[in-house]
Amino acid sequence: MMGEYMDKTDTNHRKICDVDMVKLAEKYGTPLYVLFEELIEGNYKQYQTALEEVYENHLICYAVKANTTFAILKLLCELGAGADVASEHELQFTLDSGIQPAKIRANGNCKSEQYLEECIRREY
């Protein structure tokens, strides 16, 4: 899917979704993380469609530790995604985004007693 969104400018700069990445870096500095809602939504929908063809009951869960950008969590919440959380911070961040407790999966090792109690209380 990414190939259809990537191109180059006349000066051989990388363009993604018709945005010149070099110009963004010049304006905002580096490192610079650029996220495209259209790509995230499109990829999510492709996964959703593929899974619906095979499974009656499934839930796509975003690994929050991969990127804790609140806008990503809000977008995925709106699309119906769940979340995979590995810490108290990720858990609270996910709840704040609007993802329902029933769609949150607690994962990983070395958890604090407070985190485990919160997960049990909320039935993750």
PDB file of N, CA and C in Angstrom:
ATOM      1  N   MET A   1       0.821  -1.193   0.000  1.00  0.00           N
ATOM      2  CA  MET A   1       0.000   0.000   0.000  1.00  0.00           C
ATOM      3  C   MET A   1       0.868   1.261   0.000  1.00  0.00           C
ATOM      4  N   MET A   2       2.008   1.219   0.686  1.00  0.00           N
ATOM      5  CA  MET A   2       2.837   2.409   0.811  1.00  0.00           C
ATOM      6  C   MET A   2       3.328   2.894  -0.545  1.00  0.00           C
ATOM      7  N   GLY A   3       3.638   2.010  -1.476  1.00  0.00           N
ATOM      8  CA  GLY A   3       4.175   2.391  -2.770  1.00  0.00           C
ATOM      9  C   GLY A   3       3.316   3.387  -3.526  1.00  0.00           C
ATOM     10  N   GLU A   4       2.020   3.272  -3.418  1.00  0.00           N
ATOM     11  CA  GLU A   4       1.134   4.185  -4.136  1.00  0.00           C
ATOM     12  C   GLU A   4       1.126   5.585  -3.534  1.00  0.00           C
ATOM     13  N   TYR A   5       1.658   5.745  -2.336  1.00  0.00           N
ATOM     14  CA  TYR A   5       1.693   7.052  -1.677  1.00  0.00           C
ATOM     15  C   TYR A   5       3.057   7.724  -1.767  1.00  0.00           C
ATOM     16  N   MET A   6       4.079   6.991  -2.210  1.00  0.00           N
ATOM     17  CA  MET A   6       5.429   7.535  -2.253  1.00  0.00           C
ATOM     18  C   MET A   6       5.799   7.995  -3.654  1.00  0.00           C
ATOM     19  N   ASP A   7       6.571   9.066  -3.688  1.00  0.00           N
ATOM     20  CA  ASP A   7       7.005   9.651  -4.948  1.00  0.00           C
ATOM     21  C   ASP A   7       8.244  10.472  -4.648  1.00  0.00           C
ATOM     22  N   LYS A   8       8.765  11.132  -5.673  1.00  0.00           N
ATOM     23  CA  LYS A   8       9.900  12.034  -5.492  1.00  0.00           C
ATOM     24  C   LYS A   8       9.564  13.378  -6.126  1.00  0.00           C
ATOM     25  N   THR A   9      10.176  14.430  -5.579  1.00  0.00           N
ATOM     26  CA  THR A   9       9.985  15.762  -6.125  1.00  0.00           C
ATOM     27  C   THR A   9      10.924  15.957  -7.304  1.00  0.00           C
ATOM     28  N   ASP A  10      10.817  17.105  -7.957  1.00  0.00           N
ATOM     29  CA  ASP A  10      11.724  17.433  -9.069  1.00  0.00           C
ATOM     30  C   ASP A  10      13.172  17.514  -8.605  1.00  0.00           C
ATOM     31  N   THR A  11      13.387  17.806  -7.327  1.00  0.00           N
ATOM     32  CA  THR A  11      14.740  17.900  -6.786  1.00  0.00           C
ATOM     33  C   THR A  11      15.162  16.613  -6.089  1.00  0.00           C
ATOM     34  N   ASN A  12      14.465  15.528  -6.387  1.00  0.00           N
ATOM     35  CA  ASN A  12      14.772  14.193  -5.893  1.00  0.00           C
ATOM     36  C   ASN A  12      14.568  14.037  -4.380  1.00  0.00           C
ATOM     37  N   HIS A  13      13.662  14.813  -3.809  1.00  0.00           N
ATOM     38  CA  HIS A  13      13.280  14.647  -2.412  1.00  0.00           C
ATOM     39  C   HIS A  13      12.192  13.592  -2.322  1.00  0.00           C
ATOM     40  N   ARG A  14      12.186  12.855  -1.245  1.00  0.00           N
ATOM     41  CA  ARG A  14      11.122  11.871  -1.025  1.00  0.00           C
ATOM     42  C   ARG A  14       9.835  12.595  -0.687  1.00  0.00           C
ATOM     43  N   LYS A  15       8.744  12.174  -1.341  1.00  0.00           N
ATOM     44  CA  LYS A  15       7.401  12.682  -1.050  1.00  0.00           C
ATOM     45  C   LYS A  15       6.543  11.514  -0.584  1.00  0.00           C
ATOM     46  N   ILE A  16       5.804  11.758   0.461  1.00  0.00           N
ATOM     47  CA  ILE A  16       4.829  10.778   0.935  1.00  0.00           C
ATOM     48  C   ILE A  16       3.497  11.502   1.043  1.00  0.00           C
ATOM     49  N   CYS A  17       2.474  10.935   0.428  1.00  0.00           N
ATOM     50  CA  CYS A  17       1.149  11.577   0.393  1.00  0.00           C
ATOM     51  C   CYS A  17       1.277  13.013  -0.085  1.00  0.00           C
ATOM     52  N   ASP A  18       2.111  13.193  -1.074  1.00  0.00           N
ATOM     53  CA  ASP A  18       2.332  14.486  -1.722  1.00  0.00           C
ATOM     54  C   ASP A  18       2.960  15.539  -0.795  1.00  0.00           C
ATOM     55  N   VAL A  19       3.634  15.099   0.260  1.00  0.00           N
ATOM     56  CA  VAL A  19       4.313  15.997   1.189  1.00  0.00           C
ATOM     57  C   VAL A  19       5.813  15.781   1.057  1.00  0.00           C
ATOM     58  N   ASP A  20       6.554  16.860   0.811  1.00  0.00           N
ATOM     59  CA  ASP A  20       8.005  16.820   0.663  1.00  0.00           C
ATOM     60  C   ASP A  20       8.637  16.643   2.049  1.00  0.00           C
ATOM     61  N   MET A  21       9.267  15.494   2.272  1.00  0.00           N
ATOM     62  CA  MET A  21       9.848  15.190   3.576  1.00  0.00           C
ATOM     63  C   MET A  21      11.034  16.093   3.908  1.00  0.00           C
ATOM     64  N   VAL A  22      11.823  16.472   2.926  1.00  0.00           N
ATOM     65  CA  VAL A  22      12.974  17.347   3.170  1.00  0.00           C
ATOM     66  C   VAL A  22      12.496  18.723   3.626  1.00  0.00           C
ATOM     67  N   LYS A  23      11.462  19.234   2.994  1.00  0.00           N
ATOM     68  CA  LYS A  23      10.934  20.539   3.411  1.00  0.00           C
ATOM     69  C   LYS A  23      10.408  20.500   4.844  1.00  0.00           C
ATOM     70  N   LEU A  24       9.759  19.395   5.208  1.00  0.00           N
ATOM     71  CA  LEU A  24       9.290  19.268   6.593  1.00  0.00           C
ATOM     72  C   LEU A  24      10.470  19.256   7.565  1.00  0.00           C
ATOM     73  N   ALA A  25      11.519  18.506   7.216  1.00  0.00           N
ATOM     74  CA  ALA A  25      12.700  18.433   8.075  1.00  0.00           C
ATOM     75  C   ALA A  25      13.371  19.800   8.193  1.00  0.00           C
ATOM     76  N   GLU A  26      13.421  20.529   7.102  1.00  0.00           N
ATOM     77  CA  GLU A  26      14.010  21.871   7.141  1.00  0.00           C
ATOM     78  C   GLU A  26      13.182  22.808   8.018  1.00  0.00           C
ATOM     79  N   LYS A  27      11.882  22.658   7.967  1.00  0.00           N
ATOM     80  CA  LYS A  27      10.993  23.537   8.741  1.00  0.00           C
ATOM     81  C   LYS A  27      10.983  23.189  10.224  1.00  0.00           C
ATOM     82  N   TYR A  28      10.934  21.872  10.543  1.00  0.00           N
ATOM     83  CA  TYR A  28      10.759  21.451  11.929  1.00  0.00           C
ATOM     84  C   TYR A  28      11.996  20.848  12.570  1.00  0.00           C
ATOM     85  N   GLY A  29      13.039  20.569  11.788  1.00  0.00           N
ATOM     86  CA  GLY A  29      14.230  19.930  12.324  1.00  0.00           C
ATOM     87  C   GLY A  29      14.099  18.417  12.351  1.00  0.00           C
ATOM     88  N   THR A  30      15.192  17.787  12.748  1.00  0.00           N
ATOM     89  CA  THR A  30      15.213  16.327  12.833  1.00  0.00           C
ATOM     90  C   THR A  30      15.767  15.925  14.190  1.00  0.00           C
ATOM     91  N   PRO A  31      15.426  14.761  14.700  1.00  0.00           N
ATOM     92  CA  PRO A  31      14.544  13.794  14.064  1.00  0.00           C
ATOM     93  C   PRO A  31      13.102  14.310  14.033  1.00  0.00           C
ATOM     94  N   LEU A  32      12.397  13.898  13.025  1.00  0.00           N
ATOM     95  CA  LEU A  32      11.019  14.307  12.826  1.00  0.00           C
ATOM     96  C   LEU A  32      10.197  13.066  12.493  1.00  0.00           C
ATOM     97  N   TYR A  33       9.147  12.855  13.251  1.00  0.00           N
ATOM     98  CA  TYR A  33       8.262  11.728  13.000  1.00  0.00           C
ATOM     99  C   TYR A  33       7.012  12.249  12.313  1.00  0.00           C
ATOM    100  N   VAL A  34       6.732  11.733  11.136  1.00  0.00           N
ATOM    101  CA  VAL A  34       5.590  12.174  10.353  1.00  0.00           C
ATOM    102  C   VAL A  34       4.640  10.992  10.216  1.00  0.00           C
ATOM    103  N   LEU A  35       3.411  11.191  10.655  1.00  0.00           N
ATOM    104  CA  LEU A  35       2.409  10.135  10.619  1.00  0.00           C
ATOM    105  C   LEU A  35       1.285  10.563   9.691  1.00  0.00           C
ATOM    106  N   PHE A  36       0.819   9.638   8.880  1.00  0.00           N
ATOM    107  CA  PHE A  36      -0.235   9.935   7.932  1.00  0.00           C
ATOM    108  C   PHE A  36      -1.491   9.149   8.304  1.00  0.00           C
ATOM    109  N   GLU A  37      -2.497   9.889   8.736  1.00  0.00           N
ATOM    110  CA  GLU A  37      -3.756   9.275   9.138  1.00  0.00           C
ATOM    111  C   GLU A  37      -4.313   8.387   8.025  1.00  0.00           C
ATOM    112  N   GLU A  38      -4.228   8.860   6.800  1.00  0.00           N
ATOM    113  CA  GLU A  38      -4.757   8.107   5.658  1.00  0.00           C
ATOM    114  C   GLU A  38      -4.088   6.733   5.531  1.00  0.00           C
ATOM    115  N   LEU A  39      -2.784   6.674   5.747  1.00  0.00           N
ATOM    116  CA  LEU A  39      -2.075   5.400   5.647  1.00  0.00           C
ATOM    117  C   LEU A  39      -2.422   4.470   6.808  1.00  0.00           C
ATOM    118  N   ILE A  40      -2.473   5.026   8.008  1.00  0.00           N
ATOM    119  CA  ILE A  40      -2.816   4.213   9.179  1.00  0.00           C
ATOM    120  C   ILE A  40      -4.217   3.635   9.019  1.00  0.00           C
ATOM    121  N   GLU A  41      -5.159   4.480   8.635  1.00  0.00           N
ATOM    122  CA  GLU A  41      -6.539   4.022   8.451  1.00  0.00           C
ATOM    123  C   GLU A  41      -6.641   2.991   7.331  1.00  0.00           C
ATOM    124  N   GLY A  42      -5.963   3.241   6.229  1.00  0.00           N
ATOM    125  CA  GLY A  42      -5.994   2.298   5.104  1.00  0.00           C
ATOM    126  C   GLY A  42      -5.414   0.942   5.473  1.00  0.00           C
ATOM    127  N   ASN A  43      -4.296   0.942   6.191  1.00  0.00           N
ATOM    128  CA  ASN A  43      -3.682  -0.320   6.617  1.00  0.00           C
ATOM    129  C   ASN A  43      -4.578  -1.070   7.593  1.00  0.00           C
ATOM    130  N   TYR A  44      -5.177  -0.330   8.524  1.00  0.00           N
ATOM    131  CA  TYR A  44      -6.084  -0.961   9.481  1.00  0.00           C
ATOM    132  C   TYR A  44      -7.240  -1.632   8.747  1.00  0.00           C
ATOM    133  N   LYS A  45      -7.832  -0.921   7.797  1.00  0.00           N
ATOM    134  CA  LYS A  45      -8.975  -1.466   7.065  1.00  0.00           C
ATOM    135  C   LYS A  45      -8.584  -2.686   6.235  1.00  0.00           C
ATOM    136  N   GLN A  46      -7.372  -2.696   5.694  1.00  0.00           N
ATOM    137  CA  GLN A  46      -6.914  -3.875   4.949  1.00  0.00           C
ATOM    138  C   GLN A  46      -6.806  -5.088   5.876  1.00  0.00           C
ATOM    139  N   TYR A  47      -6.229  -4.888   7.064  1.00  0.00           N
ATOM    140  CA  TYR A  47      -6.151  -5.986   8.035  1.00  0.00           C
ATOM    141  C   TYR A  47      -7.551  -6.444   8.423  1.00  0.00           C
ATOM    142  N   GLN A  48      -8.417  -5.512   8.692  1.00  0.00           N
ATOM    143  CA  GLN A  48      -9.780  -5.832   9.121  1.00  0.00           C
ATOM    144  C   GLN A  48     -10.497  -6.659   8.047  1.00  0.00           C
ATOM    145  N   THR A  49     -10.392  -6.242   6.807  1.00  0.00           N
ATOM    146  CA  THR A  49     -11.038  -6.962   5.705  1.00  0.00           C
ATOM    147  C   THR A  49     -10.484  -8.376   5.572  1.00  0.00           C
ATOM    148  N   ALA A  50      -9.167  -8.495   5.636  1.00  0.00           N
ATOM    149  CA  ALA A  50      -8.531  -9.822   5.507  1.00  0.00           C
ATOM    150  C   ALA A  50      -8.956 -10.742   6.646  1.00  0.00           C
ATOM    151  N   LEU A  51      -9.001 -10.230   7.859  1.00  0.00           N
ATOM    152  CA  LEU A  51      -9.390 -11.059   8.995  1.00  0.00           C
ATOM    153  C   LEU A  51     -10.865 -11.444   8.948  1.00  0.00           C
ATOM    154  N   GLU A  52     -11.711 -10.537   8.496  1.00  0.00           N
ATOM    155  CA  GLU A  52     -13.144 -10.833   8.394  1.00  0.00           C
ATOM    156  C   GLU A  52     -13.416 -11.976   7.429  1.00  0.00           C
ATOM    157  N   GLU A  53     -12.569 -12.135   6.437  1.00  0.00           N
ATOM    158  CA  GLU A  53     -12.742 -13.213   5.464  1.00  0.00           C
ATOM    159  C   GLU A  53     -12.422 -14.576   6.060  1.00  0.00           C
ATOM    160  N   VAL A  54     -11.656 -14.599   7.143  1.00  0.00           N
ATOM    161  CA  VAL A  54     -11.199 -15.858   7.726  1.00  0.00           C
ATOM    162  C   VAL A  54     -11.808 -16.141   9.102  1.00  0.00           C
ATOM    163  N   TYR A  55     -11.963 -15.101   9.910  1.00  0.00           N
ATOM    164  CA  TYR A  55     -12.398 -15.290  11.291  1.00  0.00           C
ATOM    165  C   TYR A  55     -13.722 -14.582  11.570  1.00  0.00           C
ATOM    166  N   GLU A  56     -14.587 -15.299  12.270  1.00  0.00           N
ATOM    167  CA  GLU A  56     -15.859 -14.714  12.660  1.00  0.00           C
ATOM    168  C   GLU A  56     -15.668 -13.686  13.771  1.00  0.00           C
ATOM    169  N   ASN A  57     -14.797 -14.015  14.705  1.00  0.00           N
ATOM    170  CA  ASN A  57     -14.596 -13.189  15.882  1.00  0.00           C
ATOM    171  C   ASN A  57     -13.111 -12.856  16.012  1.00  0.00           C
ATOM    172  N   HIS A  58     -12.763 -11.591  15.848  1.00  0.00           N
ATOM    173  CA  HIS A  58     -11.366 -11.177  15.963  1.00  0.00           C
ATOM    174  C   HIS A  58     -11.300  -9.737  16.457  1.00  0.00           C
ATOM    175  N   LEU A  59     -10.137  -9.363  16.952  1.00  0.00           N
ATOM    176  CA  LEU A  59      -9.911  -7.997  17.410  1.00  0.00           C
ATOM    177  C   LEU A  59      -8.479  -7.610  17.070  1.00  0.00           C
ATOM    178  N   ILE A  60      -8.324  -6.548  16.320  1.00  0.00           N
ATOM    179  CA  ILE A  60      -6.995  -6.034  16.015  1.00  0.00           C
ATOM    180  C   ILE A  60      -6.575  -5.159  17.190  1.00  0.00           C
ATOM    181  N   CYS A  61      -5.445  -5.494  17.811  1.00  0.00           N
ATOM    182  CA  CYS A  61      -4.947  -4.736  18.947  1.00  0.00           C
ATOM    183  C   CYS A  61      -3.622  -4.064  18.577  1.00  0.00           C
ATOM    184  N   TYR A  62      -3.570  -2.780  18.776  1.00  0.00           N
ATOM    185  CA  TYR A  62      -2.376  -1.985  18.505  1.00  0.00           C
ATOM    186  C   TYR A  62      -1.421  -2.109  19.688  1.00  0.00           C
ATOM    187  N   ALA A  63      -0.163  -2.415  19.422  1.00  0.00           N
ATOM    188  CA  ALA A  63       0.856  -2.485  20.468  1.00  0.00           C
ATOM    189  C   ALA A  63       1.252  -1.052  20.834  1.00  0.00           C
ATOM    190  N   VAL A  64       0.724  -0.568  21.932  1.00  0.00           N
ATOM    191  CA  VAL A  64       0.893   0.830  22.318  1.00  0.00           C
ATOM    192  C   VAL A  64       2.366   1.189  22.486  1.00  0.00           C
ATOM    193  N   LYS A  65       3.188   0.233  22.923  1.00  0.00           N
ATOM    194  CA  LYS A  65       4.604   0.541  23.115  1.00  0.00           C
ATOM    195  C   LYS A  65       5.309   0.896  21.803  1.00  0.00           C
ATOM    196  N   ALA A  66       4.723   0.535  20.680  1.00  0.00           N
ATOM    197  CA  ALA A  66       5.345   0.843  19.384  1.00  0.00           C
ATOM    198  C   ALA A  66       5.375   2.346  19.127  1.00  0.00           C
ATOM    199  N   ASN A  67       4.348   3.048  19.573  1.00  0.00           N
ATOM    200  CA  ASN A  67       4.277   4.497  19.380  1.00  0.00           C
ATOM    201  C   ASN A  67       3.115   5.006  20.221  1.00  0.00           C
ATOM    202  N   THR A  68       3.413   5.823  21.213  1.00  0.00           N
ATOM    203  CA  THR A  68       2.374   6.290  22.123  1.00  0.00           C
ATOM    204  C   THR A  68       1.761   7.627  21.703  1.00  0.00           C
ATOM    205  N   THR A  69       1.835   7.942  20.438  1.00  0.00           N
ATOM    206  CA  THR A  69       1.211   9.171  19.955  1.00  0.00           C
ATOM    207  C   THR A  69      -0.298   9.075  20.171  1.00  0.00           C
ATOM    208  N   PHE A  70      -0.829  10.027  20.954  1.00  0.00           N
ATOM    209  CA  PHE A  70      -2.236   9.988  21.330  1.00  0.00           C
ATOM    210  C   PHE A  70      -3.159   9.989  20.120  1.00  0.00           C
ATOM    211  N   ALA A  71      -2.808  10.726  19.080  1.00  0.00           N
ATOM    212  CA  ALA A  71      -3.655  10.800  17.881  1.00  0.00           C
ATOM    213  C   ALA A  71      -3.801   9.431  17.223  1.00  0.00           C
ATOM    214  N   ILE A  72      -2.764   8.608  17.270  1.00  0.00           N
ATOM    215  CA  ILE A  72      -2.855   7.256  16.701  1.00  0.00           C
ATOM    216  C   ILE A  72      -3.865   6.438  17.493  1.00  0.00           C
ATOM    217  N   LEU A  73      -3.764   6.500  18.816  1.00  0.00           N
ATOM    218  CA  LEU A  73      -4.705   5.747  19.646  1.00  0.00           C
ATOM    219  C   LEU A  73      -6.143   6.217  19.431  1.00  0.00           C
ATOM    220  N   LYS A  74      -6.345   7.520  19.335  1.00  0.00           N
ATOM    221  CA  LYS A  74      -7.694   8.046  19.096  1.00  0.00           C
ATOM    222  C   LYS A  74      -8.235   7.557  17.753  1.00  0.00           C
ATOM    223  N   LEU A  75      -7.411   7.624  16.716  1.00  0.00           N
ATOM    224  CA  LEU A  75      -7.829   7.167  15.392  1.00  0.00           C
ATOM    225  C   LEU A  75      -8.177   5.687  15.419  1.00  0.00           C
ATOM    226  N   LEU A  76      -7.314   4.871  15.997  1.00  0.00           N
ATOM    227  CA  LEU A  76      -7.572   3.435  16.054  1.00  0.00           C
ATOM    228  C   LEU A  76      -8.796   3.122  16.901  1.00  0.00           C
ATOM    229  N   CYS A  77      -9.017   3.887  17.943  1.00  0.00           N
ATOM    230  CA  CYS A  77     -10.236   3.734  18.749  1.00  0.00           C
ATOM    231  C   CYS A  77     -11.463   3.967  17.876  1.00  0.00           C
ATOM    232  N   GLU A  78     -11.436   5.035  17.100  1.00  0.00           N
ATOM    233  CA  GLU A  78     -12.564   5.360  16.213  1.00  0.00           C
ATOM    234  C   GLU A  78     -12.799   4.263  15.177  1.00  0.00           C
ATOM    235  N   LEU A  79     -11.729   3.581  14.775  1.00  0.00           N
ATOM    236  CA  LEU A  79     -11.843   2.510  13.786  1.00  0.00           C
ATOM    237  C   LEU A  79     -12.305   1.192  14.405  1.00  0.00           C
ATOM    238  N   GLY A  80     -12.286   1.110  15.748  1.00  0.00           N
ATOM    239  CA  GLY A  80     -12.747  -0.096  16.429  1.00  0.00           C
ATOM    240  C   GLY A  80     -11.647  -0.992  16.950  1.00  0.00           C
ATOM    241  N   ALA A  81     -10.412  -0.531  16.938  1.00  0.00           N
ATOM    242  CA  ALA A  81      -9.284  -1.348  17.376  1.00  0.00           C
ATOM    243  C   ALA A  81      -9.241  -1.479  18.887  1.00  0.00           C
ATOM    244  N   GLY A  82      -8.535  -2.508  19.305  1.00  0.00           N
ATOM    245  CA  GLY A  82      -8.191  -2.682  20.700  1.00  0.00           C
ATOM    246  C   GLY A  82      -6.751  -2.266  20.897  1.00  0.00           C
ATOM    247  N   ALA A  83      -6.225  -2.531  22.095  1.00  0.00           N
ATOM    248  CA  ALA A  83      -4.845  -2.148  22.387  1.00  0.00           C
ATOM    249  C   ALA A  83      -4.163  -3.217  23.226  1.00  0.00           C
ATOM    250  N   ASP A  84      -2.889  -3.406  22.959  1.00  0.00           N
ATOM    251  CA  ASP A  84      -2.019  -4.279  23.733  1.00  0.00           C
ATOM    252  C   ASP A  84      -1.146  -3.361  24.576  1.00  0.00           C
ATOM    253  N   VAL A  85      -1.272  -3.446  25.907  1.00  0.00           N
ATOM    254  CA  VAL A  85      -0.524  -2.554  26.790  1.00  0.00           C
ATOM    255  C   VAL A  85       0.437  -3.357  27.659  1.00  0.00           C
ATOM    256  N   ALA A  86       1.562  -2.721  28.011  1.00  0.00           N
ATOM    257  CA  ALA A  86       2.580  -3.410  28.797  1.00  0.00           C
ATOM    258  C   ALA A  86       2.999  -2.645  30.041  1.00  0.00           C
ATOM    259  N   SER A  87       2.324  -1.545  30.359  1.00  0.00           N
ATOM    260  CA  SER A  87       2.693  -0.771  31.540  1.00  0.00           C
ATOM    261  C   SER A  87       1.500   0.046  32.022  1.00  0.00           C
ATOM    262  N   GLU A  88       1.649   0.578  33.240  1.00  0.00           N
ATOM    263  CA  GLU A  88       0.598   1.436  33.786  1.00  0.00           C
ATOM    264  C   GLU A  88       0.379   2.657  32.897  1.00  0.00           C
ATOM    265  N   HIS A  89       1.472   3.230  32.428  1.00  0.00           N
ATOM    266  CA  HIS A  89       1.397   4.409  31.563  1.00  0.00           C
ATOM    267  C   HIS A  89       0.613   4.095  30.287  1.00  0.00           C
ATOM    268  N   GLU A  90       0.957   2.996  29.637  1.00  0.00           N
ATOM    269  CA  GLU A  90       0.258   2.607  28.409  1.00  0.00           C
ATOM    270  C   GLU A  90      -1.212   2.325  28.689  1.00  0.00           C
ATOM    271  N   LEU A  91      -1.492   1.697  29.803  1.00  0.00           N
ATOM    272  CA  LEU A  91      -2.875   1.399  30.175  1.00  0.00           C
ATOM    273  C   LEU A  91      -3.678   2.693  30.333  1.00  0.00           C
ATOM    274  N   GLN A  92      -3.148   3.639  31.084  1.00  0.00           N
ATOM    275  CA  GLN A  92      -3.875   4.893  31.304  1.00  0.00           C
ATOM    276  C   GLN A  92      -4.024   5.676  30.008  1.00  0.00           C
ATOM    277  N   PHE A  93      -2.966   5.705  29.221  1.00  0.00           N
ATOM    278  CA  PHE A  93      -2.980   6.405  27.940  1.00  0.00           C
ATOM    279  C   PHE A  93      -4.068   5.826  27.033  1.00  0.00           C
ATOM    280  N   THR A  94      -4.171   4.509  27.022  1.00  0.00           N
ATOM    281  CA  THR A  94      -5.158   3.818  26.198  1.00  0.00           C
ATOM    282  C   THR A  94      -6.577   4.122  26.673  1.00  0.00           C
ATOM    283  N   LEU A  95      -6.788   4.072  27.967  1.00  0.00           N
ATOM    284  CA  LEU A  95      -8.107   4.409  28.515  1.00  0.00           C
ATOM    285  C   LEU A  95      -8.477   5.847  28.192  1.00  0.00           C
ATOM    286  N   ASP A  96      -7.503   6.755  28.314  1.00  0.00           N
ATOM    287  CA  ASP A  96      -7.751   8.171  28.004  1.00  0.00           C
ATOM    288  C   ASP A  96      -8.125   8.381  26.543  1.00  0.00           C
ATOM    289  N   SER A  97      -7.653   7.501  25.663  1.00  0.00           N
ATOM    290  CA  SER A  97      -7.949   7.637  24.234  1.00  0.00           C
ATOM    291  C   SER A  97      -9.377   7.217  23.901  1.00  0.00           C
ATOM    292  N   GLY A  98     -10.008   6.502  24.830  1.00  0.00           N
ATOM    293  CA  GLY A  98     -11.383   6.071  24.607  1.00  0.00           C
ATOM    294  C   GLY A  98     -11.530   4.599  24.275  1.00  0.00           C
ATOM    295  N   ILE A  99     -10.434   3.882  24.153  1.00  0.00           N
ATOM    296  CA  ILE A  99     -10.539   2.445  23.893  1.00  0.00           C
ATOM    297  C   ILE A  99     -11.155   1.788  25.124  1.00  0.00           C
ATOM    298  N   GLN A 100     -12.190   1.021  24.900  1.00  0.00           N
ATOM    299  CA  GLN A 100     -12.940   0.399  25.987  1.00  0.00           C
ATOM    300  C   GLN A 100     -12.127  -0.696  26.677  1.00  0.00           C
ATOM    301  N   PRO A 101     -12.271  -0.831  27.999  1.00  0.00           N
ATOM    302  CA  PRO A 101     -11.528  -1.853  28.737  1.00  0.00           C
ATOM    303  C   PRO A 101     -11.646  -3.263  28.145  1.00  0.00           C
ATOM    304  N   ALA A 102     -12.810  -3.606  27.606  1.00  0.00           N
ATOM    305  CA  ALA A 102     -12.998  -4.942  27.032  1.00  0.00           C
ATOM    306  C   ALA A 102     -12.105  -5.176  25.808  1.00  0.00           C
ATOM    307  N   LYS A 103     -11.565  -4.116  25.236  1.00  0.00           N
ATOM    308  CA  LYS A 103     -10.719  -4.243  24.057  1.00  0.00           C
ATOM    309  C   LYS A 103      -9.229  -4.045  24.379  1.00  0.00           C
ATOM    310  N   ILE A 104      -8.893  -4.075  25.665  1.00  0.00           N
ATOM    311  CA  ILE A 104      -7.507  -3.887  26.079  1.00  0.00           C
ATOM    312  C   ILE A 104      -6.939  -5.215  26.547  1.00  0.00           C
ATOM    313  N   ARG A 105      -5.748  -5.521  26.079  1.00  0.00           N
ATOM    314  CA  ARG A 105      -5.044  -6.741  26.462  1.00  0.00           C
ATOM    315  C   ARG A 105      -3.766  -6.352  27.195  1.00  0.00           C
ATOM    316  N   ALA A 106      -3.621  -6.827  28.436  1.00  0.00           N
ATOM    317  CA  ALA A 106      -2.403  -6.590  29.211  1.00  0.00           C
ATOM    318  C   ALA A 106      -1.403  -7.672  28.851  1.00  0.00           C
ATOM    319  N   ASN A 107      -0.168  -7.268  28.622  1.00  0.00           N
ATOM    320  CA  ASN A 107       0.819  -8.196  28.102  1.00  0.00           C
ATOM    321  C   ASN A 107       2.187  -7.916  28.719  1.00  0.00           C
ATOM    322  N   GLY A 108       3.052  -8.913  28.669  1.00  0.00           N
ATOM    323  CA  GLY A 108       4.443  -8.734  29.068  1.00  0.00           C
ATOM    324  C   GLY A 108       4.738  -9.231  30.470  1.00  0.00           C
ATOM    325  N   ASN A 109       6.020  -9.136  30.825  1.00  0.00           N
ATOM    326  CA  ASN A 109       6.456  -9.602  32.139  1.00  0.00           C
ATOM    327  C   ASN A 109       6.893  -8.421  33.004  1.00  0.00           C
ATOM    328  N   CYS A 110       7.356  -8.708  34.227  1.00  0.00           N
ATOM    329  CA  CYS A 110       7.883  -7.705  35.159  1.00  0.00           C
ATOM    330  C   CYS A 110       6.875  -6.593  35.436  1.00  0.00           C
ATOM    331  N   LYS A 111       5.696  -6.972  35.841  1.00  0.00           N
ATOM    332  CA  LYS A 111       4.642  -5.986  36.109  1.00  0.00           C
ATOM    333  C   LYS A 111       4.608  -5.639  37.591  1.00  0.00           C
ATOM    334  N   SER A 112       4.291  -4.386  37.871  1.00  0.00           N
ATOM    335  CA  SER A 112       4.155  -3.963  39.262  1.00  0.00           C
ATOM    336  C   SER A 112       2.864  -4.524  39.837  1.00  0.00           C
ATOM    337  N   GLU A 113       2.820  -4.583  41.149  1.00  0.00           N
ATOM    338  CA  GLU A 113       1.619  -5.067  41.818  1.00  0.00           C
ATOM    339  C   GLU A 113       0.431  -4.158  41.509  1.00  0.00           C
ATOM    340  N   GLN A 114       0.679  -2.852  41.471  1.00  0.00           N
ATOM    341  CA  GLN A 114      -0.388  -1.883  41.169  1.00  0.00           C
ATOM    342  C   GLN A 114      -0.960  -2.116  39.773  1.00  0.00           C
ATOM    343  N   TYR A 115      -0.095  -2.356  38.790  1.00  0.00           N
ATOM    344  CA  TYR A 115      -0.538  -2.604  37.414  1.00  0.00           C
ATOM    345  C   TYR A 115      -1.384  -3.870  37.353  1.00  0.00           C
ATOM    346  N   LEU A 116      -0.919  -4.936  37.972  1.00  0.00           N
ATOM    347  CA  LEU A 116      -1.657  -6.202  37.943  1.00  0.00           C
ATOM    348  C   LEU A 116      -3.008  -6.064  38.643  1.00  0.00           C
ATOM    349  N   GLU A 117      -3.038  -5.358  39.765  1.00  0.00           N
ATOM    350  CA  GLU A 117      -4.312  -5.145  40.463  1.00  0.00           C
ATOM    351  C   GLU A 117      -5.290  -4.348  39.603  1.00  0.00           C
ATOM    352  N   GLU A 118      -4.777  -3.333  38.912  1.00  0.00           N
ATOM    353  CA  GLU A 118      -5.636  -2.527  38.042  1.00  0.00           C
ATOM    354  C   GLU A 118      -6.188  -3.371  36.889  1.00  0.00           C
ATOM    355  N   CYS A 119      -5.347  -4.222  36.324  1.00  0.00           N
ATOM    356  CA  CYS A 119      -5.795  -5.091  35.219  1.00  0.00           C
ATOM    357  C   CYS A 119      -6.864  -6.062  35.697  1.00  0.00           C
ATOM    358  N   ILE A 120      -6.669  -6.623  36.871  1.00  0.00           N
ATOM    359  CA  ILE A 120      -7.656  -7.555  37.425  1.00  0.00           C
ATOM    360  C   ILE A 120      -8.956  -6.831  37.732  1.00  0.00           C
ATOM    361  N   ARG A 121      -8.837  -5.642  38.343  1.00  0.00           N
ATOM    362  CA  ARG A 121     -10.029  -4.866  38.685  1.00  0.00           C
ATOM    363  C   ARG A 121     -10.849  -4.550  37.439  1.00  0.00           C
ATOM    364  N   ARG A 122     -10.181  -4.245  36.349  1.00  0.00           N
ATOM    365  CA  ARG A 122     -10.869  -3.872  35.109  1.00  0.00           C
ATOM    366  C   ARG A 122     -11.106  -5.076  34.194  1.00  0.00           C
ATOM    367  N   GLU A 123     -10.651  -6.256  34.606  1.00  0.00           N
ATOM    368  CA  GLU A 123     -10.841  -7.517  33.869  1.00  0.00           C
ATOM    369  C   GLU A 123     -10.219  -7.509  32.476  1.00  0.00           C
ATOM    370  N   TYR A 124      -8.948  -7.144  32.377  1.00  0.00           N
ATOM    371  CA  TYR A 124      -8.245  -7.196  31.088  1.00  0.00           C
ATOM    372  C   TYR A 124      -7.794  -8.596  30.862  1.00  0.00           C
TER     373      TYR A 124
END
